[in-house]
Structure formats: C-alpha cells, structure tokens
Amino acid sequence: MKQSGAPRETVHRGSRSGAGIGHMRILVRMISAVLFALGVFVGDAQAQTDPLSSWNDGAAKKSITDFVARVTAQGGADFVPPAERIAVFDNDGTLWCEQPVYVQAAFALDRVRAMAPQHPEWKQQQPFKAFLAGDRQALAEQGEKGLLTLVAAAHSGMTTDDFASSVAGWLATAKHPRFNRSYDDLVYQPMVELLAYLRASGFKTFIVSGGGVEFIRVWAEQAYGIPPEQVVGSSGVTQFRLGVDGKPALLKTPKVQFVDDGPGKPAGINMMIGRRPILAFGNSDGDHQMLQWTVAGSGARFAGIVHHTDDVREYAYDRPSKIGRLDKAWDEAKAKGWTVVDMKQDWKKVFAFDP
C-alpha cells in the first residue's frame, strides 16, 4: 500500500549526516556512562571485599591476613579447627579510647556526683569531700585507695539490673571531653573490622579486660558484636536477695571478687573460656601476660599490640605515660616479632566518624 506524506527518500537525504552524528554522540555518552558506572561498581566492590578497609596496606595488616589464611586453610600445616580459633582482646586502649581517663572511671566519678545529694555525710568524709569540692591536691593525697573508694561507692549498693540501667543511661548522655561525642562512639573502627573479619573466618572473639565485667557487658554487643557471655573482666561480689515484692535479685557489694589484669588475664581466660587463645591483642603491660600465654601454646600463634602514635586523630603515648604504660610488652614484641600496629601509619581512620 502506498504511504502518504513526504517521500521517505527526501527525509533521509536531508537528515542523514546530522542524525548519524547525533546517534554517535548518544552512543558515546551511553558507553561513557556505562564505563563510569562500572568503574564505580568495581571500586565499591573492591572496598566491600576488603574486610579491613580502614587499614592501610602494610606489614601489620599483612601479618593479620596471612595468619588468618594459614589457620583457616583446610589441610594446611597450620590449620586450626574452628572450635579452637579463640581470639582475645583487651578493651581500654585496644578497642576504644582510654584517654584522658578510663571510661569506667569517668562513669564512676559522674555517678558519685549524681549520688551526692542522697549522701550529705560525704561532705565531711574523705575522699568524697575532696572530690566534691574539686580539691585535686587533697584527692591526690588519698592515693589509689581513695579512687577505689569512689569507684566502689558508684558500683555497689544496687542490684545488677539497676547498675546496667545506670550505665546505659550514662552512656546515652555523657560526652568525651575532647571529642564531644558519646564514649561508645570512640571505638576503633579498624578493630571493629578486625573482630568481624575474625568471626567471618570461624573465630570466636572475646574481650578480656581489667575493666568491670558488668560495665562492659552493657554495651559490648552493640559496639563490637561481642555478646555478654564472651566478656571476661574484673568483678565484684554479688549477693542473692529477695526484694520486698518477693522478686529475686543480685545485689552488688563493695567487695572485690576478681581482678582481671596483668597475670589475672590468663587466669581469667582459663577460668571463663577454658581454651588457650591462638590470637591476642593488647596495648599495655597490663596485657603482657595474656600475650605471653597466648603465644606459648603449640601451633600457629598471633600476638598484637596497638601502639598509640596519633595525637591528631586520637592520642600519642608510649613509655612512660600516665596511662597505658608500655615497657615490658613493647620490648618483648620487638624481640620476638609480635605485630605492632602503629595507629598513625597503619590505620586509614581511627573512629568511624573520621573523614
């Protein structure tokens, strides 16, 4: 059937050159867009497939990935069954910021201030009198015993449930004096990635800390993915009681039950975990015995130390320092080839909120 309108030949003859160029331009744009999208996709995929994306490539990162590859290679000489892949981590200074004071100490002091109106006798009793008056010299004269008295007052005389609620409430409002962020925002992103990487590789991850076990258990699962039953820490004596409503509860007392620091860490691991770890991370001499005990086992072993060298993104301190002292552990790390993680050199970012 004959078509009406302008002849087909006339239309093509007048537009062939312009249409060809237009089609080429469209094609080029389409290809460019596809290549760009593909490039972005590949870049994102590479970032996602690197489980330690906040770590700079280097000796520290390689020592970790090489170790994990060795112990998880089925049939390899260093293969470790999943049940024996135990990894332990100190908390303060290893998994989150411990400067300018331990977080639990900041909690205890804030809690003493909040409790003061219910304890008018504290105005005449040391070390409460010095602390509430802001008399640093008088408080310093009370020594370690004075600080422990303040901490005990903040941590005892309540049920374990009430204590957990007080910790959660404090974390929801308290801010770090330098970063003006919640304390549980100050977990080290590279170490959070390391914990997840190990779990994905069949490891079971534990916190082994000198801090209070009931303090850490409140927030560790949300911050690190480590459930309460996988936290080993210092503990106080609790007493079973029936409340006025007949409801059973555990009352926290001022009496110390176990100090999970220094030589107490291997003892705590043995008591609470029952297996010698094959990987351990710490940052101070308080972790030295835990590192020693870990590498003393047979087969492939890993000991790591977080070295605080970044005073811009976090803090720089080594030896001597007021907190996190690192002398004997550092010497042994250098002598025996343990992995030392240089925060400034080995981490692309320290906290998740870093640019």
Foldseek 3Di string as FASTA:
>chain_A
DDDDDDDPVVVCVVCVVVVVVVVVVVVVVVVVVVVVVVVVVVVVVVCVVPLQNQWDDDDQVCVLVVLLCQCLPVPHPQHDPLVQAEEEEAPDPTFFDQPPHRPLLVLLLVQLVVCCVVPVVLCVDPPSVCSVVVPVVSQVVCPPVRSLVSNLVSQFDAFLVVNLVSLVVCQVDDADPPPRHRRLLGTFPSVLSVLVVSVVSSYQYAYQYQDELSNCQSCCCVSRVHHSLRYFYWYADWDWDQDPVRHITIGGHSHTDAGRWQVNVVVRCCVRVVHQHQHYEEAANRCQVNQVSNVPDDGHHAYEHEAECDVPQGRHDEPPDPPRYHDPSVVVCVVPVHHYHDCVNTGNHTGPPDD
